[in-house]
PDB file of N, CA and C in Angstrom:
ATOM      1  N   MET A   1      71.723-314.875  26.161  1.00  0.00           N
ATOM      2  CA  MET A   1      70.427-314.104  25.231  1.00  0.00           C
ATOM      3  C   MET A   1      69.218-314.826  26.397  1.00  0.00           C
ATOM      4  N   ARG A   2      69.087-315.968  26.883  1.00  0.00           N
ATOM      5  CA  ARG A   2      67.983-316.211  27.895  1.00  0.00           C
ATOM      6  C   ARG A   2      67.770-315.187  29.151  1.00  0.00           C
ATOM      7  N   ASN A   3      68.864-314.888  29.482  1.00  0.00           N
ATOM      8  CA  ASN A   3      68.981-313.846  30.545  1.00  0.00           C
ATOM      9  C   ASN A   3      68.258-312.595  30.167  1.00  0.00           C
ATOM     10  N   ASN A   4      68.690-312.023  28.904  1.00  0.00           N
ATOM     11  CA  ASN A   4      67.964-310.901  28.516  1.00  0.00           C
ATOM     12  C   ASN A   4      66.582-311.073  28.121  1.00  0.00           C
ATOM     13  N   ASP A   5      66.229-312.349  27.573  1.00  0.00           N
ATOM     14  CA  ASP A   5      64.963-312.329  27.298  1.00  0.00           C
ATOM     15  C   ASP A   5      64.023-312.558  28.642  1.00  0.00           C
ATOM     16  N   GLU A   6      64.514-313.080  29.690  1.00  0.00           N
ATOM     17  CA  GLU A   6      64.008-313.116  31.072  1.00  0.00           C
ATOM     18  C   GLU A   6      63.778-311.757  31.553  1.00  0.00           C
ATOM     19  N   LYS A   7      64.787-310.822  31.287  1.00  0.00           N
ATOM     20  CA  LYS A   7      64.633-309.524  31.941  1.00  0.00           C
ATOM     21  C   LYS A   7      63.551-308.732  31.293  1.00  0.00           C
ATOM     22  N   LYS A   8      63.535-308.952  29.727  1.00  0.00           N
ATOM     23  CA  LYS A   8      62.484-308.351  28.987  1.00  0.00           C
ATOM     24  C   LYS A   8      61.169-308.716  29.376  1.00  0.00           C
ATOM     25  N   ARG A   9      60.936-310.213  29.675  1.00  0.00           N
ATOM     26  CA  ARG A   9      59.652-310.668  30.038  1.00  0.00           C
ATOM     27  C   ARG A   9      59.157-310.012  31.529  1.00  0.00           C
ATOM     28  N   GLN A  10      60.116-310.182  32.351  1.00  0.00           N
ATOM     29  CA  GLN A  10      59.797-309.270  33.825  1.00  0.00           C
ATOM     30  C   GLN A  10      59.522-307.995  33.784  1.00  0.00           C
ATOM     31  N   LYS A  11      60.258-307.291  32.624  1.00  0.00           N
ATOM     32  CA  LYS A  11      59.841-305.749  32.546  1.00  0.00           C
ATOM     33  C   LYS A  11      58.580-305.530  32.034  1.00  0.00           C
ATOM     34  N   LEU A  12      58.066-306.355  31.048  1.00  0.00           N
ATOM     35  CA  LEU A  12      56.714-306.360  30.328  1.00  0.00           C
ATOM     36  C   LEU A  12      55.652-306.780  31.511  1.00  0.00           C
ATOM     37  N   ILE A  13      55.814-307.573  32.346  1.00  0.00           N
ATOM     38  CA  ILE A  13      55.001-308.046  33.228  1.00  0.00           C
ATOM     39  C   ILE A  13      54.772-306.857  34.147  1.00  0.00           C
ATOM     40  N   ASN A  14      55.780-306.187  34.713  1.00  0.00           N
ATOM     41  CA  ASN A  14      55.639-305.116  35.643  1.00  0.00           C
ATOM     42  C   ASN A  14      54.946-303.995  35.113  1.00  0.00           C
ATOM     43  N   LYS A  15      55.186-303.756  33.654  1.00  0.00           N
ATOM     44  CA  LYS A  15      54.502-302.800  33.076  1.00  0.00           C
ATOM     45  C   LYS A  15      53.030-303.123  32.980  1.00  0.00           C
ATOM     46  N   LEU A  16      52.567-304.242  32.625  1.00  0.00           N
ATOM     47  CA  LEU A  16      51.347-304.798  32.450  1.00  0.00           C
ATOM     48  C   LEU A  16      50.630-304.669  34.040  1.00  0.00           C
ATOM     49  N   ILE A  17      51.167-305.042  34.825  1.00  0.00           N
ATOM     50  CA  ILE A  17      50.690-304.858  36.013  1.00  0.00           C
ATOM     51  C   ILE A  17      50.500-303.392  36.625  1.00  0.00           C
ATOM     52  N   PHE A  18      51.408-302.540  36.179  1.00  0.00           N
ATOM     53  CA  PHE A  18      51.443-301.064  36.611  1.00  0.00           C
ATOM     54  C   PHE A  18      50.162-300.378  35.962  1.00  0.00           C
ATOM     55  N   LEU A  19      50.046-300.627  34.649  1.00  0.00           N
ATOM     56  CA  LEU A  19      49.094-300.288  33.916  1.00  0.00           C
ATOM     57  C   LEU A  19      47.528-301.035  34.237  1.00  0.00           C
ATOM     58  N   ASN A  20      47.475-301.540  35.201  1.00  0.00           N
ATOM     59  CA  ASN A  20      46.073-302.466  35.655  1.00  0.00           C
ATOM     60  C   ASN A  20      45.657-303.349  34.312  1.00  0.00           C
ATOM     61  N   VAL A  21      46.398-303.685  33.511  1.00  0.00           N
ATOM     62  CA  VAL A  21      45.986-304.414  32.190  1.00  0.00           C
ATOM     63  C   VAL A  21      45.740-306.082  32.923  1.00  0.00           C
ATOM     64  N   TYR A  22      46.732-306.467  33.617  1.00  0.00           N
ATOM     65  CA  TYR A  22      46.705-307.724  34.450  1.00  0.00           C
ATOM     66  C   TYR A  22      46.819-307.548  35.793  1.00  0.00           C
ATOM     67  N   ASN A  23      46.229-308.164  36.816  1.00  0.00           N
ATOM     68  CA  ASN A  23      46.302-308.250  38.227  1.00  0.00           C
ATOM     69  C   ASN A  23      47.428-309.189  38.726  1.00  0.00           C
ATOM     70  N   LYS A  24      48.211-308.552  39.491  1.00  0.00           N
ATOM     71  CA  LYS A  24      49.280-309.162  39.861  1.00  0.00           C
ATOM     72  C   LYS A  24      49.386-310.854  40.401  1.00  0.00           C
ATOM     73  N   GLU A  25      48.198-311.165  40.904  1.00  0.00           N
ATOM     74  CA  GLU A  25      47.923-312.418  41.247  1.00  0.00           C
ATOM     75  C   GLU A  25      47.396-313.375  39.815  1.00  0.00           C
ATOM     76  N   ASP A  26      47.538-312.925  38.916  1.00  0.00           N
ATOM     77  CA  ASP A  26      46.990-313.508  37.663  1.00  0.00           C
ATOM     78  C   ASP A  26      48.048-314.647  36.959  1.00  0.00           C
ATOM     79  N   GLN A  27      47.801-315.792  37.086  1.00  0.00           N
ATOM     80  CA  GLN A  27      48.757-316.633  36.998  1.00  0.00           C
ATOM     81  C   GLN A  27      49.053-316.808  35.386  1.00  0.00           C
ATOM     82  N   GLN A  28      48.104-316.496  34.686  1.00  0.00           N
ATOM     83  CA  GLN A  28      48.218-316.288  33.142  1.00  0.00           C
ATOM     84  C   GLN A  28      49.187-315.488  32.506  1.00  0.00           C
ATOM     85  N   LEU A  29      49.375-314.368  33.469  1.00  0.00           N
ATOM     86  CA  LEU A  29      50.483-313.481  33.068  1.00  0.00           C
ATOM     87  C   LEU A  29      51.880-313.922  33.244  1.00  0.00           C
ATOM     88  N   TYR A  30      52.205-314.641  34.051  1.00  0.00           N
ATOM     89  CA  TYR A  30      53.344-315.257  34.217  1.00  0.00           C
ATOM     90  C   TYR A  30      53.836-316.272  33.433  1.00  0.00           C
ATOM     91  N   GLY A  31      52.697-317.021  32.721  1.00  0.00           N
ATOM     92  CA  GLY A  31      52.906-318.115  31.703  1.00  0.00           C
ATOM     93  C   GLY A  31      53.081-317.565  30.391  1.00  0.00           C
ATOM     94  N   MET A  32      52.818-316.315  30.069  1.00  0.00           N
ATOM     95  CA  MET A  32      52.968-315.992  28.855  1.00  0.00           C
ATOM     96  C   MET A  32      54.428-315.980  28.356  1.00  0.00           C
ATOM     97  N   THR A  33      54.519-316.202  27.083  1.00  0.00           N
ATOM     98  CA  THR A  33      55.823-315.968  26.466  1.00  0.00           C
ATOM     99  C   THR A  33      56.134-314.499  26.286  1.00  0.00           C
ATOM    100  N   LEU A  34      57.328-314.104  25.865  1.00  0.00           N
ATOM    101  CA  LEU A  34      57.886-312.900  25.801  1.00  0.00           C
ATOM    102  C   LEU A  34      57.050-312.367  24.379  1.00  0.00           C
ATOM    103  N   ARG A  35      57.125-313.137  23.285  1.00  0.00           N
ATOM    104  CA  ARG A  35      56.411-312.614  22.159  1.00  0.00           C
ATOM    105  C   ARG A  35      54.876-312.069  22.646  1.00  0.00           C
ATOM    106  N   LYS A  36      54.130-312.969  23.396  1.00  0.00           N
ATOM    107  CA  LYS A  36      52.822-312.810  23.875  1.00  0.00           C
ATOM    108  C   LYS A  36      52.643-311.563  24.725  1.00  0.00           C
ATOM    109  N   LEU A  37      53.590-311.413  25.413  1.00  0.00           N
ATOM    110  CA  LEU A  37      53.716-310.085  26.222  1.00  0.00           C
ATOM    111  C   LEU A  37      53.938-308.682  25.617  1.00  0.00           C
ATOM    112  N   GLU A  38      54.844-309.089  24.657  1.00  0.00           N
ATOM    113  CA  GLU A  38      54.911-307.883  23.686  1.00  0.00           C
ATOM    114  C   GLU A  38      53.803-307.557  23.060  1.00  0.00           C
ATOM    115  N   SER A  39      53.161-308.501  22.619  1.00  0.00           N
ATOM    116  CA  SER A  39      52.111-308.426  21.713  1.00  0.00           C
ATOM    117  C   SER A  39      50.962-307.662  22.579  1.00  0.00           C
ATOM    118  N   GLU A  40      50.759-308.132  23.882  1.00  0.00           N
ATOM    119  CA  GLU A  40      49.815-307.476  24.735  1.00  0.00           C
ATOM    120  C   GLU A  40      50.186-305.876  25.073  1.00  0.00           C
ATOM    121  N   TYR A  41      51.327-305.892  25.411  1.00  0.00           N
ATOM    122  CA  TYR A  41      51.745-304.459  25.585  1.00  0.00           C
ATOM    123  C   TYR A  41      51.448-303.494  24.331  1.00  0.00           C
ATOM    124  N   ARG A  42      51.627-303.893  23.114  1.00  0.00           N
ATOM    125  CA  ARG A  42      51.560-303.091  22.032  1.00  0.00           C
ATOM    126  C   ARG A  42      50.159-303.005  21.951  1.00  0.00           C
ATOM    127  N   ARG A  43      49.254-304.010  22.182  1.00  0.00           N
ATOM    128  CA  ARG A  43      47.744-303.618  21.891  1.00  0.00           C
ATOM    129  C   ARG A  43      47.351-302.558  22.864  1.00  0.00           C
ATOM    130  N   TYR A  44      47.720-302.689  24.190  1.00  0.00           N
ATOM    131  CA  TYR A  44      47.420-301.778  25.244  1.00  0.00           C
ATOM    132  C   TYR A  44      47.738-300.189  24.753  1.00  0.00           C
ATOM    133  N   LYS A  45      48.917-300.216  24.189  1.00  0.00           N
ATOM    134  CA  LYS A  45      49.441-298.929  23.775  1.00  0.00           C
ATOM    135  C   LYS A  45      48.591-298.356  22.580  1.00  0.00           C
ATOM    136  N   LEU A  46      48.358-299.293  21.823  1.00  0.00           N
ATOM    137  CA  LEU A  46      47.532-298.838  20.567  1.00  0.00           C
ATOM    138  C   LEU A  46      46.178-298.511  20.994  1.00  0.00           C
ATOM    139  N   VAL A  47      45.488-299.118  21.854  1.00  0.00           N
ATOM    140  CA  VAL A  47      44.080-298.844  22.420  1.00  0.00           C
ATOM    141  C   VAL A  47      44.137-297.520  23.368  1.00  0.00           C
ATOM    142  N   ASN A  48      45.176-297.347  24.035  1.00  0.00           N
ATOM    143  CA  ASN A  48      45.164-296.288  24.921  1.00  0.00           C
ATOM    144  C   ASN A  48      45.922-295.174  24.556  1.00  0.00           C
ATOM    145  N   HIS A  49      46.120-295.056  23.406  1.00  0.00           N
ATOM    146  CA  HIS A  49      47.226-293.803  22.933  1.00  0.00           C
ATOM    147  C   HIS A  49      46.461-292.397  23.370  1.00  0.00           C
ATOM    148  N   PRO A  50      47.353-291.584  23.598  1.00  0.00           N
ATOM    149  CA  PRO A  50      46.657-290.305  24.216  1.00  0.00           C
ATOM    150  C   PRO A  50      46.227-289.397  23.050  1.00  0.00           C
ATOM    151  N   HIS A  51      46.674-289.623  21.758  1.00  0.00           N
ATOM    152  CA  HIS A  51      46.167-289.066  20.721  1.00  0.00           C
ATOM    153  C   HIS A  51      45.284-289.719  19.722  1.00  0.00           C
ATOM    154  N   GLY A  52      44.636-290.681  20.437  1.00  0.00           N
ATOM    155  CA  GLY A  52      43.571-291.613  19.772  1.00  0.00           C
ATOM    156  C   GLY A  52      42.399-290.925  19.507  1.00  0.00           C
ATOM    157  N   GLU A  53      41.557-291.514  19.078  1.00  0.00           N
ATOM    158  CA  GLU A  53      40.235-291.004  18.706  1.00  0.00           C
ATOM    159  C   GLU A  53      39.513-290.428  20.140  1.00  0.00           C
ATOM    160  N   PHE A  54      39.454-291.219  21.153  1.00  0.00           N
ATOM    161  CA  PHE A  54      38.798-290.423  22.409  1.00  0.00           C
ATOM    162  C   PHE A  54      39.879-289.868  23.266  1.00  0.00           C
ATOM    163  N   GLY A  55      39.516-288.687  23.812  1.00  0.00           N
ATOM    164  CA  GLY A  55      40.145-288.036  24.650  1.00  0.00           C
ATOM    165  C   GLY A  55      41.713-287.203  24.152  1.00  0.00           C
ATOM    166  N   SER A  56      41.651-287.170  22.762  1.00  0.00           N
ATOM    167  CA  SER A  56      42.493-286.335  22.305  1.00  0.00           C
ATOM    168  C   SER A  56      42.097-284.890  22.115  1.00  0.00           C
ATOM    169  N   ILE A  57      43.006-283.893  22.022  1.00  0.00           N
ATOM    170  CA  ILE A  57      42.904-282.680  21.763  1.00  0.00           C
ATOM    171  C   ILE A  57      42.576-282.299  20.501  1.00  0.00           C
ATOM    172  N   GLN A  58      41.307-281.748  20.444  1.00  0.00           N
ATOM    173  CA  GLN A  58      40.798-281.381  19.250  1.00  0.00           C
ATOM    174  C   GLN A  58      40.586-279.942  18.866  1.00  0.00           C
ATOM    175  N   ILE A  59      40.723-279.300  18.022  1.00  0.00           N
ATOM    176  CA  ILE A  59      40.480-277.728  17.747  1.00  0.00           C
ATOM    177  C   ILE A  59      39.251-277.662  16.909  1.00  0.00           C
ATOM    178  N   ILE A  60      38.214-277.030  17.483  1.00  0.00           N
ATOM    179  CA  ILE A  60      36.933-276.970  16.876  1.00  0.00           C
ATOM    180  C   ILE A  60      36.733-275.661  16.472  1.00  0.00           C
TER     181      ILE A  60
END
């Protein structure tokens, strides 16, 4: 189970770096728990959802 959690953590870290939410050198990122990383990723997706208020396709 620990190995799976560590894989999930690393995957989320990579996603957050790729999405420019965190910098690769940011040590805070590597110290976060799996739960905190999941929360950060969900928050990013919520704020940057393509069908959100801004940037969405709207029919006038």
